[in-house]
Amino acid sequence: MDGRILVERAQLIAQQHQVTYSVPIDTITLVKEISDIKQSYTQYGGARPFGVSILFIGVDDEKPVLFATEPTGIFFEYKAAALGEGADAVKELLYKEYSDSMSMEDAIKMCIRALKKVLGKDFDARRIDGAYVDIKEKNYQLIDKKKFRV
């Protein structure tokens, strides 16, 4: 529920920015807005803090950006990241295998290996949906499960 509330708020902020300034909002600006909201809920008695971390992905100035926000309102920028259960094992794999020069196909295969490592026997390709940001096309593309034999 917390995640849905914050995502809907992020969508509203992005829409208001687009209408007001006629340009899309920068990812970092949106991240700061949501982080400010999350942080403010940690300060007031009787207000329950948001208990969710969120990954924000975008393209700013023709370059991809990735931010992770924490429930406390702090945020970090990453080249690759993982959140939630099993994140430490995934981060270890990302640290060892990620490279700025890797192709999108190699990056997707690396992510699939990470999921298989973390989920083990519970890995079920039918439960996985994914997408990536295509910088040239300036949109997101769904991952073709058949191409990667997920």
N, C-alpha and C. Protein backbone atom coordinates (compact mmCIF):
# COMPACT_ATOMS: atom_id res chain seq x y z
N MET A 1 0.83 -1.19 0.00
CA MET A 1 0.00 0.00 0.00
C MET A 1 0.88 1.27 0.00
N ASP A 2 1.94 1.28 0.84
CA ASP A 2 2.81 2.45 0.90
C ASP A 2 3.44 2.72 -0.47
N GLY A 3 3.88 1.65 -1.12
CA GLY A 3 4.50 1.80 -2.43
C GLY A 3 3.54 2.40 -3.44
N ARG A 4 2.32 1.92 -3.45
CA ARG A 4 1.32 2.42 -4.38
C ARG A 4 1.04 3.90 -4.14
N ILE A 5 0.94 4.29 -2.89
CA ILE A 5 0.69 5.70 -2.55
C ILE A 5 1.82 6.58 -3.08
N LEU A 6 3.05 6.16 -2.85
CA LEU A 6 4.20 6.96 -3.28
C LEU A 6 4.36 6.98 -4.79
N VAL A 7 4.09 5.87 -5.46
CA VAL A 7 4.17 5.85 -6.93
C VAL A 7 3.10 6.76 -7.53
N GLU A 8 1.90 6.70 -6.99
CA GLU A 8 0.85 7.59 -7.49
C GLU A 8 1.20 9.06 -7.24
N ARG A 9 1.81 9.34 -6.11
CA ARG A 9 2.24 10.71 -5.81
C ARG A 9 3.33 11.15 -6.79
N ALA A 10 4.27 10.24 -7.08
CA ALA A 10 5.34 10.54 -8.05
C ALA A 10 4.75 10.83 -9.43
N GLN A 11 3.76 10.05 -9.82
CA GLN A 11 3.10 10.29 -11.11
C GLN A 11 2.44 11.66 -11.14
N LEU A 12 1.77 12.01 -10.06
CA LEU A 12 1.12 13.32 -9.97
C LEU A 12 2.13 14.46 -10.04
N ILE A 13 3.22 14.32 -9.31
CA ILE A 13 4.27 15.35 -9.33
C ILE A 13 4.83 15.51 -10.74
N ALA A 14 5.09 14.37 -11.41
CA ALA A 14 5.63 14.42 -12.78
C ALA A 14 4.64 15.06 -13.74
N GLN A 15 3.36 14.75 -13.60
CA GLN A 15 2.34 15.36 -14.47
C GLN A 15 2.22 16.86 -14.23
N GLN A 16 2.23 17.26 -12.97
CA GLN A 16 2.14 18.69 -12.65
C GLN A 16 3.34 19.44 -13.21
N HIS A 17 4.52 18.85 -13.12
CA HIS A 17 5.71 19.48 -13.66
C HIS A 17 5.60 19.64 -15.18
N GLN A 18 5.13 18.59 -15.85
CA GLN A 18 4.97 18.62 -17.31
C GLN A 18 3.99 19.72 -17.73
N VAL A 19 2.87 19.82 -17.02
CA VAL A 19 1.87 20.84 -17.35
C VAL A 19 2.40 22.24 -17.06
N THR A 20 3.09 22.40 -15.96
CA THR A 20 3.57 23.72 -15.56
C THR A 20 4.72 24.22 -16.43
N TYR A 21 5.69 23.33 -16.72
CA TYR A 21 6.91 23.76 -17.40
C TYR A 21 7.05 23.25 -18.83
N SER A 22 6.12 22.42 -19.29
CA SER A 22 6.13 21.85 -20.65
C SER A 22 7.38 21.03 -20.95
N VAL A 23 8.01 20.50 -19.93
CA VAL A 23 9.14 19.58 -20.09
C VAL A 23 9.01 18.48 -19.03
N PRO A 24 9.51 17.29 -19.33
CA PRO A 24 9.47 16.22 -18.33
C PRO A 24 10.34 16.57 -17.12
N ILE A 25 9.97 16.06 -15.97
CA ILE A 25 10.73 16.30 -14.76
C ILE A 25 12.02 15.47 -14.78
N ASP A 26 13.11 16.03 -14.28
CA ASP A 26 14.35 15.27 -14.13
C ASP A 26 14.14 14.20 -13.07
N THR A 27 14.79 13.07 -13.26
CA THR A 27 14.65 11.97 -12.32
C THR A 27 15.08 12.39 -10.92
N ILE A 28 16.20 13.08 -10.81
CA ILE A 28 16.70 13.49 -9.50
C ILE A 28 15.73 14.42 -8.79
N THR A 29 15.06 15.27 -9.51
CA THR A 29 14.08 16.17 -8.91
C THR A 29 12.91 15.38 -8.33
N LEU A 30 12.45 14.40 -9.08
CA LEU A 30 11.35 13.55 -8.62
C LEU A 30 11.78 12.73 -7.40
N VAL A 31 12.98 12.20 -7.44
CA VAL A 31 13.51 11.43 -6.31
C VAL A 31 13.57 12.30 -5.05
N LYS A 32 14.03 13.53 -5.19
CA LYS A 32 14.11 14.44 -4.04
C LYS A 32 12.73 14.74 -3.47
N GLU A 33 11.76 14.95 -4.35
CA GLU A 33 10.39 15.23 -3.89
C GLU A 33 9.83 14.06 -3.08
N ILE A 34 9.97 12.85 -3.60
CA ILE A 34 9.44 11.68 -2.90
C ILE A 34 10.23 11.42 -1.61
N SER A 35 11.54 11.61 -1.66
CA SER A 35 12.35 11.42 -0.46
C SER A 35 11.98 12.43 0.63
N ASP A 36 11.66 13.65 0.23
CA ASP A 36 11.22 14.66 1.20
C ASP A 36 9.91 14.23 1.87
N ILE A 37 9.00 13.68 1.09
CA ILE A 37 7.73 13.20 1.65
C ILE A 37 8.00 12.06 2.64
N LYS A 38 8.83 11.11 2.23
CA LYS A 38 9.15 9.98 3.10
C LYS A 38 9.80 10.45 4.40
N GLN A 39 10.73 11.38 4.29
CA GLN A 39 11.45 11.87 5.47
C GLN A 39 10.51 12.61 6.40
N SER A 40 9.59 13.39 5.86
CA SER A 40 8.68 14.17 6.71
C SER A 40 7.81 13.27 7.57
N TYR A 41 7.48 12.08 7.08
CA TYR A 41 6.64 11.16 7.86
C TYR A 41 7.42 10.48 8.98
N THR A 42 8.74 10.66 9.02
CA THR A 42 9.52 10.10 10.14
C THR A 42 9.60 11.09 11.30
N GLN A 43 9.13 12.33 11.12
CA GLN A 43 9.30 13.38 12.12
C GLN A 43 8.09 13.63 13.00
N TYR A 44 6.92 13.22 12.56
CA TYR A 44 5.70 13.61 13.27
C TYR A 44 5.13 12.46 14.09
N GLY A 45 4.81 12.75 15.34
CA GLY A 45 4.16 11.76 16.19
C GLY A 45 2.77 11.45 15.66
N GLY A 46 2.42 10.19 15.66
CA GLY A 46 1.11 9.78 15.16
C GLY A 46 1.09 9.50 13.67
N ALA A 47 2.14 9.88 12.97
CA ALA A 47 2.21 9.59 11.54
C ALA A 47 3.13 8.38 11.34
N ARG A 48 2.62 7.37 10.69
CA ARG A 48 3.41 6.17 10.44
C ARG A 48 4.31 6.39 9.25
N PRO A 49 5.63 6.16 9.40
CA PRO A 49 6.54 6.34 8.27
C PRO A 49 6.22 5.35 7.14
N PHE A 50 6.56 5.74 5.93
CA PHE A 50 6.40 4.84 4.79
C PHE A 50 7.44 3.73 4.93
N GLY A 51 7.01 2.50 4.84
CA GLY A 51 7.91 1.37 5.03
C GLY A 51 8.30 0.72 3.72
N VAL A 52 8.77 1.51 2.79
CA VAL A 52 9.09 0.96 1.47
C VAL A 52 10.30 1.67 0.86
N SER A 53 11.13 0.88 0.20
CA SER A 53 12.22 1.43 -0.60
C SER A 53 11.77 1.38 -2.06
N ILE A 54 12.20 2.34 -2.85
CA ILE A 54 11.77 2.41 -4.25
C ILE A 54 12.98 2.65 -5.14
N LEU A 55 13.02 1.96 -6.28
CA LEU A 55 14.02 2.24 -7.31
C LEU A 55 13.39 3.17 -8.34
N PHE A 56 14.07 4.26 -8.65
CA PHE A 56 13.65 5.19 -9.69
C PHE A 56 14.65 5.07 -10.84
N ILE A 57 14.14 4.86 -12.03
CA ILE A 57 14.99 4.74 -13.21
C ILE A 57 14.53 5.78 -14.22
N GLY A 58 15.48 6.45 -14.85
CA GLY A 58 15.12 7.44 -15.84
C GLY A 58 16.27 7.73 -16.79
N VAL A 59 16.01 8.64 -17.71
CA VAL A 59 17.04 9.10 -18.64
C VAL A 59 17.09 10.61 -18.51
N ASP A 60 18.22 11.11 -18.03
CA ASP A 60 18.44 12.55 -17.88
C ASP A 60 19.64 12.94 -18.72
N ASP A 61 19.47 13.95 -19.56
CA ASP A 61 20.55 14.43 -20.43
C ASP A 61 21.16 13.29 -21.23
N GLU A 62 20.30 12.47 -21.80
CA GLU A 62 20.72 11.35 -22.68
C GLU A 62 21.53 10.28 -21.98
N LYS A 63 21.47 10.24 -20.64
CA LYS A 63 22.19 9.19 -19.91
C LYS A 63 21.25 8.55 -18.90
N PRO A 64 21.37 7.23 -18.75
CA PRO A 64 20.49 6.54 -17.80
C PRO A 64 20.89 6.84 -16.36
N VAL A 65 19.90 6.93 -15.48
CA VAL A 65 20.15 7.16 -14.07
C VAL A 65 19.30 6.19 -13.25
N LEU A 66 19.83 5.81 -12.10
CA LEU A 66 19.15 4.87 -11.20
C LEU A 66 19.33 5.36 -9.78
N PHE A 67 18.23 5.53 -9.07
CA PHE A 67 18.26 5.96 -7.68
C PHE A 67 17.46 4.99 -6.83
N ALA A 68 17.93 4.79 -5.61
CA ALA A 68 17.19 4.00 -4.62
C ALA A 68 16.86 4.92 -3.46
N THR A 69 15.58 4.91 -3.06
CA THR A 69 15.17 5.69 -1.89
C THR A 69 14.90 4.72 -0.74
N GLU A 70 15.24 5.15 0.45
CA GLU A 70 15.03 4.35 1.66
C GLU A 70 13.81 4.89 2.42
N PRO A 71 13.24 4.09 3.33
CA PRO A 71 12.08 4.55 4.10
C PRO A 71 12.35 5.82 4.92
N THR A 72 13.61 6.05 5.28
CA THR A 72 13.95 7.24 6.07
C THR A 72 13.97 8.52 5.25
N GLY A 73 13.99 8.37 3.91
CA GLY A 73 14.02 9.55 3.05
C GLY A 73 15.38 9.79 2.41
N ILE A 74 16.39 9.02 2.79
CA ILE A 74 17.67 9.18 2.11
C ILE A 74 17.63 8.46 0.77
N PHE A 75 18.48 8.90 -0.15
CA PHE A 75 18.52 8.26 -1.46
C PHE A 75 19.96 8.19 -1.94
N PHE A 76 20.19 7.24 -2.84
CA PHE A 76 21.53 7.02 -3.39
C PHE A 76 21.41 6.80 -4.88
N GLU A 77 22.45 7.19 -5.62
CA GLU A 77 22.50 6.93 -7.05
C GLU A 77 23.41 5.72 -7.27
N TYR A 78 22.99 4.84 -8.19
CA TYR A 78 23.73 3.61 -8.48
C TYR A 78 23.87 3.41 -9.98
N LYS A 79 24.78 2.54 -10.36
CA LYS A 79 24.88 2.03 -11.73
C LYS A 79 24.01 0.80 -11.86
N ALA A 80 23.94 0.00 -10.77
CA ALA A 80 23.10 -1.20 -10.70
C ALA A 80 22.73 -1.38 -9.23
N ALA A 81 21.53 -1.87 -8.94
CA ALA A 81 21.09 -1.98 -7.56
C ALA A 81 20.07 -3.09 -7.39
N ALA A 82 19.88 -3.49 -6.16
CA ALA A 82 18.86 -4.47 -5.80
C ALA A 82 18.29 -4.07 -4.45
N LEU A 83 17.00 -4.30 -4.27
CA LEU A 83 16.33 -4.01 -3.01
C LEU A 83 15.53 -5.23 -2.57
N GLY A 84 15.32 -5.34 -1.28
CA GLY A 84 14.43 -6.36 -0.77
C GLY A 84 15.16 -7.64 -0.37
N GLU A 85 14.34 -8.68 -0.18
CA GLU A 85 14.86 -9.98 0.25
C GLU A 85 15.82 -10.53 -0.79
N GLY A 86 16.96 -10.97 -0.36
CA GLY A 86 17.97 -11.51 -1.27
C GLY A 86 18.83 -10.45 -1.94
N ALA A 87 18.64 -9.20 -1.57
CA ALA A 87 19.38 -8.11 -2.22
C ALA A 87 20.89 -8.23 -2.03
N ASP A 88 21.32 -8.71 -0.88
CA ASP A 88 22.76 -8.80 -0.64
C ASP A 88 23.43 -9.77 -1.62
N ALA A 89 22.79 -10.90 -1.87
CA ALA A 89 23.35 -11.87 -2.82
C ALA A 89 23.36 -11.31 -4.23
N VAL A 90 22.31 -10.59 -4.59
CA VAL A 90 22.24 -9.98 -5.92
C VAL A 90 23.30 -8.89 -6.05
N LYS A 91 23.46 -8.07 -5.03
CA LYS A 91 24.47 -7.01 -5.06
C LYS A 91 25.88 -7.59 -5.21
N GLU A 92 26.12 -8.71 -4.56
CA GLU A 92 27.42 -9.37 -4.68
C GLU A 92 27.68 -9.78 -6.12
N LEU A 93 26.68 -10.35 -6.77
CA LEU A 93 26.82 -10.73 -8.17
C LEU A 93 26.99 -9.51 -9.06
N LEU A 94 26.21 -8.46 -8.80
CA LEU A 94 26.33 -7.23 -9.58
C LEU A 94 27.73 -6.63 -9.44
N TYR A 95 28.26 -6.65 -8.24
CA TYR A 95 29.59 -6.09 -7.99
C TYR A 95 30.64 -6.84 -8.79
N LYS A 96 30.51 -8.15 -8.87
CA LYS A 96 31.50 -8.98 -9.56
C LYS A 96 31.36 -8.90 -11.08
N GLU A 97 30.13 -8.84 -11.58
CA GLU A 97 29.91 -9.01 -13.01
C GLU A 97 29.52 -7.76 -13.79
N TYR A 98 28.98 -6.74 -13.11
CA TYR A 98 28.50 -5.56 -13.84
C TYR A 98 29.65 -4.77 -14.43
N SER A 99 29.42 -4.27 -15.65
CA SER A 99 30.38 -3.40 -16.32
C SER A 99 29.61 -2.35 -17.11
N ASP A 100 30.12 -1.12 -17.11
CA ASP A 100 29.47 -0.05 -17.88
C ASP A 100 29.41 -0.37 -19.37
N SER A 101 30.34 -1.18 -19.83
CA SER A 101 30.42 -1.45 -21.27
C SER A 101 29.64 -2.69 -21.70
N MET A 102 28.96 -3.37 -20.78
CA MET A 102 28.24 -4.59 -21.17
C MET A 102 27.01 -4.25 -22.00
N SER A 103 26.66 -5.17 -22.89
CA SER A 103 25.48 -4.97 -23.74
C SER A 103 24.22 -5.18 -22.91
N MET A 104 23.10 -4.69 -23.43
CA MET A 104 21.83 -4.86 -22.74
C MET A 104 21.50 -6.35 -22.62
N GLU A 105 21.80 -7.10 -23.66
CA GLU A 105 21.54 -8.54 -23.64
C GLU A 105 22.33 -9.22 -22.52
N ASP A 106 23.61 -8.86 -22.39
CA ASP A 106 24.44 -9.43 -21.32
C ASP A 106 23.93 -9.01 -19.94
N ALA A 107 23.48 -7.77 -19.83
CA ALA A 107 22.96 -7.28 -18.55
C ALA A 107 21.69 -8.04 -18.15
N ILE A 108 20.83 -8.30 -19.11
CA ILE A 108 19.60 -9.04 -18.82
C ILE A 108 19.94 -10.47 -18.39
N LYS A 109 20.88 -11.09 -19.09
CA LYS A 109 21.29 -12.45 -18.71
C LYS A 109 21.88 -12.46 -17.31
N MET A 110 22.65 -11.43 -16.96
CA MET A 110 23.23 -11.34 -15.62
C MET A 110 22.11 -11.24 -14.57
N CYS A 111 21.09 -10.45 -14.87
CA CYS A 111 19.97 -10.30 -13.94
C CYS A 111 19.22 -11.62 -13.76
N ILE A 112 19.05 -12.35 -14.82
CA ILE A 112 18.38 -13.65 -14.74
C ILE A 112 19.20 -14.60 -13.87
N ARG A 113 20.53 -14.61 -14.06
CA ARG A 113 21.40 -15.44 -13.21
C ARG A 113 21.25 -15.05 -11.75
N ALA A 114 21.17 -13.75 -11.49
CA ALA A 114 21.03 -13.28 -10.10
C ALA A 114 19.72 -13.77 -9.49
N LEU A 115 18.64 -13.70 -10.26
CA LEU A 115 17.35 -14.17 -9.75
C LEU A 115 17.39 -15.67 -9.49
N LYS A 116 18.00 -16.42 -10.41
CA LYS A 116 18.10 -17.86 -10.22
C LYS A 116 18.92 -18.18 -8.98
N LYS A 117 19.98 -17.42 -8.74
CA LYS A 117 20.84 -17.64 -7.57
C LYS A 117 20.05 -17.40 -6.29
N VAL A 118 19.31 -16.32 -6.25
CA VAL A 118 18.59 -15.94 -5.03
C VAL A 118 17.36 -16.83 -4.80
N LEU A 119 16.62 -17.10 -5.86
CA LEU A 119 15.38 -17.85 -5.71
C LEU A 119 15.59 -19.36 -5.68
N GLY A 120 16.69 -19.83 -6.26
CA GLY A 120 16.99 -21.25 -6.26
C GLY A 120 15.88 -22.06 -6.89
N LYS A 121 15.39 -23.06 -6.16
CA LYS A 121 14.35 -23.95 -6.69
C LYS A 121 13.01 -23.25 -6.86
N ASP A 122 12.84 -22.08 -6.23
CA ASP A 122 11.60 -21.32 -6.37
C ASP A 122 11.57 -20.45 -7.63
N PHE A 123 12.66 -20.47 -8.39
CA PHE A 123 12.71 -19.67 -9.62
C PHE A 123 11.69 -20.21 -10.61
N ASP A 124 10.79 -19.36 -11.04
CA ASP A 124 9.76 -19.73 -12.01
C ASP A 124 9.67 -18.59 -13.03
N ALA A 125 10.07 -18.88 -14.25
CA ALA A 125 10.12 -17.86 -15.29
C ALA A 125 8.76 -17.21 -15.54
N ARG A 126 7.69 -17.93 -15.28
CA ARG A 126 6.36 -17.37 -15.52
C ARG A 126 6.03 -16.24 -14.55
N ARG A 127 6.73 -16.19 -13.43
CA ARG A 127 6.49 -15.14 -12.43
C ARG A 127 7.30 -13.89 -12.69
N ILE A 128 8.15 -13.90 -13.68
CA ILE A 128 9.07 -12.80 -13.90
C ILE A 128 8.62 -11.94 -15.08
N ASP A 129 8.51 -10.66 -14.82
CA ASP A 129 8.29 -9.68 -15.87
C ASP A 129 9.37 -8.63 -15.70
N GLY A 130 9.89 -8.15 -16.80
CA GLY A 130 10.94 -7.15 -16.71
C GLY A 130 10.91 -6.21 -17.90
N ALA A 131 11.58 -5.11 -17.72
CA ALA A 131 11.69 -4.12 -18.79
C ALA A 131 13.01 -3.38 -18.60
N TYR A 132 13.43 -2.71 -19.64
CA TYR A 132 14.63 -1.88 -19.57
C TYR A 132 14.37 -0.59 -20.33
N VAL A 133 15.15 0.42 -20.00
CA VAL A 133 15.01 1.72 -20.64
C VAL A 133 15.91 1.75 -21.87
N ASP A 134 15.31 2.00 -23.02
CA ASP A 134 16.05 2.14 -24.27
C ASP A 134 16.34 3.62 -24.48
N ILE A 135 17.60 3.99 -24.33
CA ILE A 135 17.97 5.40 -24.40
C ILE A 135 17.75 5.97 -25.79
N LYS A 136 18.07 5.20 -26.82
CA LYS A 136 17.92 5.70 -28.18
C LYS A 136 16.46 5.96 -28.53
N GLU A 137 15.59 5.03 -28.12
CA GLU A 137 14.16 5.18 -28.41
C GLU A 137 13.43 6.03 -27.37
N LYS A 138 14.10 6.31 -26.25
CA LYS A 138 13.54 7.10 -25.16
C LYS A 138 12.22 6.52 -24.64
N ASN A 139 12.23 5.19 -24.46
CA ASN A 139 11.08 4.52 -23.87
C ASN A 139 11.55 3.24 -23.20
N TYR A 140 10.60 2.52 -22.65
CA TYR A 140 10.99 1.26 -22.04
C TYR A 140 10.56 0.11 -22.94
N GLN A 141 11.31 -0.97 -22.87
CA GLN A 141 11.02 -2.16 -23.67
C GLN A 141 10.81 -3.33 -22.73
N LEU A 142 9.77 -4.10 -22.96
CA LEU A 142 9.56 -5.31 -22.18
C LEU A 142 10.58 -6.35 -22.60
N ILE A 143 11.03 -7.15 -21.65
CA ILE A 143 11.99 -8.22 -21.95
C ILE A 143 11.25 -9.39 -22.59
N ASP A 144 11.77 -9.85 -23.71
CA ASP A 144 11.20 -10.99 -24.42
C ASP A 144 11.69 -12.27 -23.75
N LYS A 145 10.79 -12.94 -23.03
CA LYS A 145 11.17 -14.14 -22.28
C LYS A 145 11.67 -15.25 -23.18
N LYS A 146 11.14 -15.36 -24.36
CA LYS A 146 11.56 -16.43 -25.27
C LYS A 146 13.00 -16.21 -25.74
N LYS A 147 13.37 -14.97 -25.99
CA LYS A 147 14.72 -14.66 -26.46
C LYS A 147 15.77 -15.04 -25.43
N PHE A 148 15.44 -14.87 -24.15
CA PHE A 148 16.41 -15.13 -23.10
C PHE A 148 16.16 -16.46 -22.40
N ARG A 149 15.22 -17.22 -22.91
CA ARG A 149 14.87 -18.54 -22.33
C ARG A 149 14.63 -18.44 -20.83
N VAL A 150 13.90 -17.43 -20.46
CA VAL A 150 13.57 -17.24 -19.04
C VAL A 150 12.51 -18.23 -18.65
